[in-house]
Amino acid sequence: MTYYVNDKCIMCKHTDCVEVCPVDCFFEGENFLAINPDECIDCGVCEPECPVDAIRADTDTSVPKEEIDKWVELNTMYSKQWPNITKKKDAMPEHKEYDPETYKEDKTSLLSEKPGSGDE
């Protein structure tokens, strides 16, 4: 089992989750966070910290397997390319506009491949 970040994080990028992670398995992109599934110890402490419910377990039966596989693959790929983040930062300025409670469209097309700044 592992945890992964899904499209609800895109354009929001709250970082409450990174501070509670005991193994520092979060990596920062320009507008998204990724979890390295090889480093994740499946403790689950990050999941309730996300204010937009963007962190899920890969065993969540309410999500189609194809969707889980897609996001685990993206998290794996980007966690190998982006810098590690362990400290909380402000959410993106436009996070309210893209909050999943009101923004109901799939945000996958908005995902930037560019790295974030990590813990600078």
C-alpha atoms as a PDB file:
ATOM      1  CA  MET A   1       0.000   0.000   0.000  1.00  0.00           C
ATOM      2  CA  THR A   2       1.034   3.610  -0.572  1.00  0.00           C
ATOM      3  CA  TYR A   3      -0.502   7.044  -0.574  1.00  0.00           C
ATOM      4  CA  TYR A   4      -0.654   9.310  -3.597  1.00  0.00           C
ATOM      5  CA  VAL A   5      -1.678  12.861  -4.448  1.00  0.00           C
ATOM      6  CA  ASN A   6      -4.451  13.361  -7.024  1.00  0.00           C
ATOM      7  CA  ASP A   7      -5.721  16.222  -9.196  1.00  0.00           C
ATOM      8  CA  LYS A   8      -7.416  18.010  -6.283  1.00  0.00           C
ATOM      9  CA  CYS A   9      -3.955  19.306  -5.323  1.00  0.00           C
ATOM     10  CA  ILE A  10      -3.324  20.953  -8.702  1.00  0.00           C
ATOM     11  CA  MET A  11      -3.402  24.770  -8.509  1.00  0.00           C
ATOM     12  CA  CYS A  12      -4.000  24.598  -4.737  1.00  0.00           C
ATOM     13  CA  LYS A  13      -0.834  22.979  -3.345  1.00  0.00           C
ATOM     14  CA  HIS A  14      -1.572  23.206   0.344  1.00  0.00           C
ATOM     15  CA  THR A  15       1.468  21.899   2.164  1.00  0.00           C
ATOM     16  CA  ASP A  16       0.013  20.960   5.550  1.00  0.00           C
ATOM     17  CA  CYS A  17       0.830  17.336   4.705  1.00  0.00           C
ATOM     18  CA  VAL A  18       4.574  17.753   4.265  1.00  0.00           C
ATOM     19  CA  GLU A  19       5.263  18.780   7.861  1.00  0.00           C
ATOM     20  CA  VAL A  20       3.679  15.670   9.360  1.00  0.00           C
ATOM     21  CA  CYS A  21       5.397  13.162   7.062  1.00  0.00           C
ATOM     22  CA  PRO A  22       7.915  11.217   9.171  1.00  0.00           C
ATOM     23  CA  VAL A  23       9.951  10.094   6.146  1.00  0.00           C
ATOM     24  CA  ASP A  24       9.912  13.277   4.017  1.00  0.00           C
ATOM     25  CA  CYS A  25       8.448  11.592   0.954  1.00  0.00           C
ATOM     26  CA  PHE A  26       6.808  14.712  -0.575  1.00  0.00           C
ATOM     27  CA  PHE A  27       8.213  16.440  -3.619  1.00  0.00           C
ATOM     28  CA  GLU A  28       7.219  19.832  -4.953  1.00  0.00           C
ATOM     29  CA  GLY A  29       6.212  20.813  -8.439  1.00  0.00           C
ATOM     30  CA  GLU A  30       5.228  24.267  -9.610  1.00  0.00           C
ATOM     31  CA  ASN A  31       1.522  23.654  -8.862  1.00  0.00           C
ATOM     32  CA  PHE A  32       1.306  20.146  -7.371  1.00  0.00           C
ATOM     33  CA  LEU A  33       2.847  17.910  -4.720  1.00  0.00           C
ATOM     34  CA  ALA A  34       3.858  14.297  -5.309  1.00  0.00           C
ATOM     35  CA  ILE A  35       4.499  11.426  -2.922  1.00  0.00           C
ATOM     36  CA  ASN A  36       7.318   9.016  -3.658  1.00  0.00           C
ATOM     37  CA  PRO A  37       5.595   5.639  -3.182  1.00  0.00           C
ATOM     38  CA  ASP A  38       8.937   3.893  -2.647  1.00  0.00           C
ATOM     39  CA  GLU A  39       9.662   6.140   0.339  1.00  0.00           C
ATOM     40  CA  CYS A  40       6.117   6.287   1.756  1.00  0.00           C
ATOM     41  CA  ILE A  41       5.753   4.071   4.834  1.00  0.00           C
ATOM     42  CA  ASP A  42       1.947   3.988   4.603  1.00  0.00           C
ATOM     43  CA  CYS A  43       1.447   5.616   7.986  1.00  0.00           C
ATOM     44  CA  GLY A  44      -1.447   7.753   6.718  1.00  0.00           C
ATOM     45  CA  VAL A  45      -0.723  10.824   8.844  1.00  0.00           C
ATOM     46  CA  CYS A  46      -0.682  13.056   5.762  1.00  0.00           C
ATOM     47  CA  GLU A  47      -4.153  12.129   4.504  1.00  0.00           C
ATOM     48  CA  PRO A  48      -6.248  13.941   7.144  1.00  0.00           C
ATOM     49  CA  GLU A  49      -3.982  17.013   6.946  1.00  0.00           C
ATOM     50  CA  CYS A  50      -4.982  17.803   3.358  1.00  0.00           C
ATOM     51  CA  PRO A  51      -7.763  20.409   3.391  1.00  0.00           C
ATOM     52  CA  VAL A  52      -8.936  19.445  -0.127  1.00  0.00           C
ATOM     53  CA  ASP A  53      -8.855  15.641   0.235  1.00  0.00           C
ATOM     54  CA  ALA A  54      -6.129  15.271  -2.406  1.00  0.00           C
ATOM     55  CA  ILE A  55      -4.248  12.458  -0.659  1.00  0.00           C
ATOM     56  CA  ARG A  56      -5.615   8.942  -0.985  1.00  0.00           C
ATOM     57  CA  ALA A  57      -4.506   5.396  -0.263  1.00  0.00           C
ATOM     58  CA  ASP A  58      -3.938   3.229  -3.314  1.00  0.00           C
ATOM     59  CA  THR A  59      -6.260   0.670  -1.712  1.00  0.00           C
ATOM     60  CA  ASP A  60      -9.246   3.063  -1.699  1.00  0.00           C
ATOM     61  CA  THR A  61     -12.060   1.037  -3.281  1.00  0.00           C
ATOM     62  CA  SER A  62     -14.172   4.147  -3.935  1.00  0.00           C
ATOM     63  CA  VAL A  63     -11.723   5.170  -6.670  1.00  0.00           C
ATOM     64  CA  PRO A  64     -11.436   3.216  -9.945  1.00  0.00           C
ATOM     65  CA  LYS A  65      -8.199   1.213 -10.159  1.00  0.00           C
ATOM     66  CA  GLU A  66      -7.263   2.897 -13.459  1.00  0.00           C
ATOM     67  CA  GLU A  67      -7.498   6.299 -11.778  1.00  0.00           C
ATOM     68  CA  ILE A  68      -5.362   5.149  -8.845  1.00  0.00           C
ATOM     69  CA  ASP A  69      -2.767   3.644 -11.180  1.00  0.00           C
ATOM     70  CA  LYS A  70      -2.587   6.874 -13.201  1.00  0.00           C
ATOM     71  CA  TRP A  71      -1.924   9.012 -10.134  1.00  0.00           C
ATOM     72  CA  VAL A  72       0.519   6.579  -8.517  1.00  0.00           C
ATOM     73  CA  GLU A  73       2.473   6.574 -11.802  1.00  0.00           C
ATOM     74  CA  LEU A  74       2.478  10.393 -11.967  1.00  0.00           C
ATOM     75  CA  ASN A  75       3.511  10.657  -8.306  1.00  0.00           C
ATOM     76  CA  THR A  76       6.325   8.181  -8.906  1.00  0.00           C
ATOM     77  CA  MET A  77       7.596  10.017 -11.984  1.00  0.00           C
ATOM     78  CA  TYR A  78       7.480  13.528 -10.531  1.00  0.00           C
ATOM     79  CA  SER A  79       8.882  12.541  -7.138  1.00  0.00           C
ATOM     80  CA  LYS A  80      12.039  11.481  -8.974  1.00  0.00           C
ATOM     81  CA  GLN A  81      12.309  14.813 -10.803  1.00  0.00           C
ATOM     82  CA  TRP A  82      11.227  17.447  -8.281  1.00  0.00           C
ATOM     83  CA  PRO A  83      12.877  18.740  -5.094  1.00  0.00           C
ATOM     84  CA  ASN A  84      11.965  17.394  -1.686  1.00  0.00           C
ATOM     85  CA  ILE A  85       9.705  19.540   0.490  1.00  0.00           C
ATOM     86  CA  THR A  86       9.428  19.130   4.257  1.00  0.00           C
ATOM     87  CA  LYS A  87       8.304  22.588   5.392  1.00  0.00           C
ATOM     88  CA  LYS A  88       4.843  24.113   5.162  1.00  0.00           C
ATOM     89  CA  LYS A  89       4.401  27.001   2.733  1.00  0.00           C
ATOM     90  CA  ASP A  90       1.441  29.157   1.843  1.00  0.00           C
ATOM     91  CA  ALA A  91      -1.021  27.606  -0.593  1.00  0.00           C
ATOM     92  CA  MET A  92      -1.006  28.921  -4.141  1.00  0.00           C
ATOM     93  CA  PRO A  93      -2.551  32.403  -4.439  1.00  0.00           C
ATOM     94  CA  GLU A  94      -5.318  31.039  -6.691  1.00  0.00           C
ATOM     95  CA  HIS A  95      -6.151  28.074  -4.449  1.00  0.00           C
ATOM     96  CA  LYS A  96      -9.646  29.366  -3.626  1.00  0.00           C
ATOM     97  CA  GLU A  97     -10.521  29.617  -7.319  1.00  0.00           C
ATOM     98  CA  TYR A  98      -9.448  25.987  -7.858  1.00  0.00           C
ATOM     99  CA  ASP A  99     -10.808  24.504  -4.627  1.00  0.00           C
ATOM    100  CA  PRO A 100     -12.395  21.114  -5.459  1.00  0.00           C
ATOM    101  CA  GLU A 101     -15.539  22.062  -3.533  1.00  0.00           C
ATOM    102  CA  THR A 102     -16.378  24.681  -6.160  1.00  0.00           C
ATOM    103  CA  TYR A 103     -14.129  23.833  -9.135  1.00  0.00           C
ATOM    104  CA  LYS A 104     -15.643  20.576 -10.362  1.00  0.00           C
ATOM    105  CA  GLU A 105     -13.635  20.074 -13.561  1.00  0.00           C
ATOM    106  CA  ASP A 106     -10.747  17.631 -13.856  1.00  0.00           C
ATOM    107  CA  LYS A 107      -7.584  19.649 -13.245  1.00  0.00           C
ATOM    108  CA  THR A 108      -5.180  17.138 -14.795  1.00  0.00           C
ATOM    109  CA  SER A 109      -4.595  19.306 -17.878  1.00  0.00           C
ATOM    110  CA  LEU A 110      -3.431  22.142 -15.586  1.00  0.00           C
ATOM    111  CA  LEU A 111      -0.636  20.052 -14.038  1.00  0.00           C
ATOM    112  CA  SER A 112       2.738  21.687 -14.634  1.00  0.00           C
ATOM    113  CA  GLU A 113       5.779  19.474 -15.104  1.00  0.00           C
ATOM    114  CA  LYS A 114       8.034  22.228 -13.800  1.00  0.00           C
ATOM    115  CA  PRO A 115       9.670  21.712 -10.420  1.00  0.00           C
ATOM    116  CA  GLY A 116       8.847  23.808  -7.391  1.00  0.00           C
ATOM    117  CA  SER A 117      11.460  25.328  -5.117  1.00  0.00           C
ATOM    118  CA  GLY A 118      11.438  22.651  -2.438  1.00  0.00           C
ATOM    119  CA  ASP A 119      12.787  23.649   0.966  1.00  0.00           C
ATOM    120  CA  GLU A 120      14.806  26.689  -0.166  1.00  0.00           C
END
